[in-house]
């Protein structure tokens, strides 16, 4: 699929995402925010998967909106500027969630279907035999 990332670049992007996850968790700890809140809200961005009930195109838009760093970083920056611990908390949890998903290979979606991501195909046919070796 055009636009899919493979090989070493894919690995690098997934490692970067792992770094975002770790950085968000470290910042969360440094700001002394509540870890039960982190656990409670960590999977909230996945509610966007409900968009797939309206079709692959709407699902991709919904998923990508909730899994783009744009909203997460904006929340964090506004939370640090105002200051608002609620926005700081939301921004860090959101960044951590996105980092976690991308580290696992769940990239931004193409309208072709859930399995088609900017990090390559996921699911049963996601990894080609030659890439797995």
C-alpha atoms as a PDB file:
ATOM      1  CA  UNK A   1       0.000   0.000   0.000  1.00  0.00           C
ATOM      2  CA  UNK A   2       1.287   3.419  -0.915  1.00  0.00           C
ATOM      3  CA  UNK A   3       2.416   5.440   2.115  1.00  0.00           C
ATOM      4  CA  UNK A   4       3.094   2.481   4.364  1.00  0.00           C
ATOM      5  CA  UNK A   5       6.331   2.432   6.320  1.00  0.00           C
ATOM      6  CA  UNK A   6       8.505  -0.665   6.314  1.00  0.00           C
ATOM      7  CA  UNK A   7      11.852  -1.978   7.495  1.00  0.00           C
ATOM      8  CA  UNK A   8      14.221   0.077   9.625  1.00  0.00           C
ATOM      9  CA  UNK A   9      12.104   3.241   9.322  1.00  0.00           C
ATOM     10  CA  UNK A  10       9.114   1.392  10.791  1.00  0.00           C
ATOM     11  CA  UNK A  11      11.255   0.135  13.680  1.00  0.00           C
ATOM     12  CA  UNK A  12      12.605   3.652  14.286  1.00  0.00           C
ATOM     13  CA  UNK A  13       9.097   5.153  14.377  1.00  0.00           C
ATOM     14  CA  UNK A  14       7.959   2.495  16.847  1.00  0.00           C
ATOM     15  CA  UNK A  15      11.005   3.157  19.063  1.00  0.00           C
ATOM     16  CA  UNK A  16      10.260   6.896  18.953  1.00  0.00           C
ATOM     17  CA  UNK A  17       6.711   6.124  20.083  1.00  0.00           C
ATOM     18  CA  UNK A  18       8.088   4.071  22.970  1.00  0.00           C
ATOM     19  CA  UNK A  19      10.189   7.104  23.944  1.00  0.00           C
ATOM     20  CA  UNK A  20       7.060   9.294  23.924  1.00  0.00           C
ATOM     21  CA  UNK A  21       5.299   6.779  26.179  1.00  0.00           C
ATOM     22  CA  UNK A  22       8.229   6.746  28.616  1.00  0.00           C
ATOM     23  CA  UNK A  23       8.633  10.546  28.556  1.00  0.00           C
ATOM     24  CA  UNK A  24       4.913  11.069  29.221  1.00  0.00           C
ATOM     25  CA  UNK A  25       5.031   8.641  32.157  1.00  0.00           C
ATOM     26  CA  UNK A  26       8.126  10.301  33.614  1.00  0.00           C
ATOM     27  CA  UNK A  27       6.562  13.763  33.275  1.00  0.00           C
ATOM     28  CA  UNK A  28       3.361  12.428  34.851  1.00  0.00           C
ATOM     29  CA  UNK A  29       5.372  11.172  37.825  1.00  0.00           C
ATOM     30  CA  UNK A  30       7.369  14.433  38.095  1.00  0.00           C
ATOM     31  CA  UNK A  31       4.141  16.461  38.170  1.00  0.00           C
ATOM     32  CA  UNK A  32       2.988  14.154  40.986  1.00  0.00           C
ATOM     33  CA  UNK A  33      -0.320  13.393  39.278  1.00  0.00           C
ATOM     34  CA  UNK A  34      -2.638  10.605  40.409  1.00  0.00           C
ATOM     35  CA  UNK A  35      -1.814   7.202  38.896  1.00  0.00           C
ATOM     36  CA  UNK A  36      -5.325   5.868  39.425  1.00  0.00           C
ATOM     37  CA  UNK A  37      -6.529   8.679  37.147  1.00  0.00           C
ATOM     38  CA  UNK A  38      -3.910   7.599  34.602  1.00  0.00           C
ATOM     39  CA  UNK A  39      -5.176   4.010  34.715  1.00  0.00           C
ATOM     40  CA  UNK A  40      -8.808   5.093  34.512  1.00  0.00           C
ATOM     41  CA  UNK A  41      -8.368   7.302  31.432  1.00  0.00           C
ATOM     42  CA  UNK A  42      -5.536   5.552  29.569  1.00  0.00           C
ATOM     43  CA  UNK A  43      -7.832   3.743  27.114  1.00  0.00           C
ATOM     44  CA  UNK A  44     -10.319   6.602  26.576  1.00  0.00           C
ATOM     45  CA  UNK A  45      -8.930   7.497  23.101  1.00  0.00           C
ATOM     46  CA  UNK A  46      -9.953   4.016  21.942  1.00  0.00           C
ATOM     47  CA  UNK A  47     -13.608   5.063  22.168  1.00  0.00           C
ATOM     48  CA  UNK A  48     -12.870   6.561  18.752  1.00  0.00           C
ATOM     49  CA  UNK A  49     -12.967   3.006  17.357  1.00  0.00           C
ATOM     50  CA  UNK A  50     -16.762   3.288  17.491  1.00  0.00           C
ATOM     51  CA  UNK A  51     -16.479   5.390  14.340  1.00  0.00           C
ATOM     52  CA  UNK A  52     -15.857   2.173  12.424  1.00  0.00           C
ATOM     53  CA  UNK A  53     -19.532   1.293  12.905  1.00  0.00           C
ATOM     54  CA  UNK A  54     -20.216   4.095  10.401  1.00  0.00           C
ATOM     55  CA  UNK A  55     -17.710   2.679   7.900  1.00  0.00           C
ATOM     56  CA  UNK A  56     -13.988   2.603   7.265  1.00  0.00           C
ATOM     57  CA  UNK A  57     -13.716   6.250   6.160  1.00  0.00           C
ATOM     58  CA  UNK A  58     -15.518   7.651   9.226  1.00  0.00           C
ATOM     59  CA  UNK A  59     -13.650   5.177  11.432  1.00  0.00           C
ATOM     60  CA  UNK A  60     -10.285   6.318  10.090  1.00  0.00           C
ATOM     61  CA  UNK A  61     -11.174   9.984  10.646  1.00  0.00           C
ATOM     62  CA  UNK A  62     -12.438   9.268  14.155  1.00  0.00           C
ATOM     63  CA  UNK A  63      -9.430   7.118  15.074  1.00  0.00           C
ATOM     64  CA  UNK A  64      -6.887   9.534  13.590  1.00  0.00           C
ATOM     65  CA  UNK A  65      -8.442  12.501  15.383  1.00  0.00           C
ATOM     66  CA  UNK A  66      -8.093  10.742  18.732  1.00  0.00           C
ATOM     67  CA  UNK A  67      -4.661   9.259  17.945  1.00  0.00           C
ATOM     68  CA  UNK A  68      -2.859  12.306  16.582  1.00  0.00           C
ATOM     69  CA  UNK A  69      -0.381  14.115  18.811  1.00  0.00           C
ATOM     70  CA  UNK A  70      -1.960  17.461  17.793  1.00  0.00           C
ATOM     71  CA  UNK A  71      -4.735  17.410  20.385  1.00  0.00           C
ATOM     72  CA  UNK A  72      -2.634  15.729  23.048  1.00  0.00           C
ATOM     73  CA  UNK A  73       0.253  18.195  22.816  1.00  0.00           C
ATOM     74  CA  UNK A  74      -2.149  21.157  22.576  1.00  0.00           C
ATOM     75  CA  UNK A  75      -3.830  19.981  25.788  1.00  0.00           C
ATOM     76  CA  UNK A  76      -0.460  19.635  27.503  1.00  0.00           C
ATOM     77  CA  UNK A  77       0.856  23.016  26.333  1.00  0.00           C
ATOM     78  CA  UNK A  78      -2.334  24.844  27.310  1.00  0.00           C
ATOM     79  CA  UNK A  79      -2.291  23.021  30.656  1.00  0.00           C
ATOM     80  CA  UNK A  80       1.270  24.154  31.320  1.00  0.00           C
ATOM     81  CA  UNK A  81       0.572  27.720  30.146  1.00  0.00           C
ATOM     82  CA  UNK A  82      -2.676  28.402  32.030  1.00  0.00           C
ATOM     83  CA  UNK A  83      -1.738  26.397  34.366  1.00  0.00           C
ATOM     84  CA  UNK A  84      -4.292  23.608  34.642  1.00  0.00           C
ATOM     85  CA  UNK A  85      -3.409  20.285  36.231  1.00  0.00           C
ATOM     86  CA  UNK A  86      -6.471  18.704  34.581  1.00  0.00           C
ATOM     87  CA  UNK A  87      -5.221  19.634  31.087  1.00  0.00           C
ATOM     88  CA  UNK A  88      -1.667  18.600  31.987  1.00  0.00           C
ATOM     89  CA  UNK A  89      -2.992  15.265  33.188  1.00  0.00           C
ATOM     90  CA  UNK A  90      -5.158  14.776  30.080  1.00  0.00           C
ATOM     91  CA  UNK A  91      -2.345  15.739  27.707  1.00  0.00           C
ATOM     92  CA  UNK A  92       0.171  13.386  29.296  1.00  0.00           C
ATOM     93  CA  UNK A  93      -2.234  10.447  29.457  1.00  0.00           C
ATOM     94  CA  UNK A  94      -3.230  11.086  25.848  1.00  0.00           C
ATOM     95  CA  UNK A  95       0.428  11.262  24.700  1.00  0.00           C
ATOM     96  CA  UNK A  96       1.204   8.083  26.628  1.00  0.00           C
ATOM     97  CA  UNK A  97      -1.726   6.282  25.005  1.00  0.00           C
ATOM     98  CA  UNK A  98      -0.674   7.312  21.498  1.00  0.00           C
ATOM     99  CA  UNK A  99       2.931   6.330  22.206  1.00  0.00           C
ATOM    100  CA  UNK A 100       1.793   2.959  23.535  1.00  0.00           C
ATOM    101  CA  UNK A 101      -0.385   2.263  20.495  1.00  0.00           C
ATOM    102  CA  UNK A 102       2.287   3.274  17.997  1.00  0.00           C
ATOM    103  CA  UNK A 103       4.987   1.315  19.813  1.00  0.00           C
ATOM    104  CA  UNK A 104       2.749  -1.733  19.309  1.00  0.00           C
ATOM    105  CA  UNK A 105       2.405  -0.887  15.603  1.00  0.00           C
ATOM    106  CA  UNK A 106      -1.055   0.677  15.614  1.00  0.00           C
ATOM    107  CA  UNK A 107      -0.472   3.677  13.390  1.00  0.00           C
ATOM    108  CA  UNK A 108      -2.767   6.290  11.929  1.00  0.00           C
ATOM    109  CA  UNK A 109      -5.414   4.697   9.741  1.00  0.00           C
ATOM    110  CA  UNK A 110      -6.080   4.874   6.025  1.00  0.00           C
ATOM    111  CA  UNK A 111      -9.717   4.785   4.831  1.00  0.00           C
ATOM    112  CA  UNK A 112      -9.050   1.394   3.184  1.00  0.00           C
ATOM    113  CA  UNK A 113      -9.750  -0.246   6.551  1.00  0.00           C
ATOM    114  CA  UNK A 114      -8.583  -0.613  10.140  1.00  0.00           C
ATOM    115  CA  UNK A 115      -5.653  -2.848   9.169  1.00  0.00           C
ATOM    116  CA  UNK A 116      -4.086  -0.223   6.893  1.00  0.00           C
ATOM    117  CA  UNK A 117      -1.864   2.153   8.895  1.00  0.00           C
ATOM    118  CA  UNK A 118       1.023   4.520   8.262  1.00  0.00           C
ATOM    119  CA  UNK A 119       3.204   2.019  10.140  1.00  0.00           C
ATOM    120  CA  UNK A 120       2.225  -0.812   7.801  1.00  0.00           C
ATOM    121  CA  UNK A 121      -0.510  -3.424   7.807  1.00  0.00           C
ATOM    122  CA  UNK A 122      -1.614  -4.905  11.085  1.00  0.00           C
ATOM    123  CA  UNK A 123      -3.574  -8.042  11.801  1.00  0.00           C
ATOM    124  CA  UNK A 124      -3.271 -11.520  10.373  1.00  0.00           C
ATOM    125  CA  UNK A 125      -1.758 -10.358   7.080  1.00  0.00           C
ATOM    126  CA  UNK A 126       0.181  -7.465   8.564  1.00  0.00           C
ATOM    127  CA  UNK A 127       3.750  -8.730   8.651  1.00  0.00           C
ATOM    128  CA  UNK A 128       5.132 -10.278   5.502  1.00  0.00           C
ATOM    129  CA  UNK A 129       7.179 -13.429   6.049  1.00  0.00           C
ATOM    130  CA  UNK A 130      10.310 -11.727   4.671  1.00  0.00           C
ATOM    131  CA  UNK A 131       9.945  -8.819   7.175  1.00  0.00           C
ATOM    132  CA  UNK A 132       9.535 -11.143  10.154  1.00  0.00           C
ATOM    133  CA  UNK A 133      12.950 -12.744   9.558  1.00  0.00           C
END
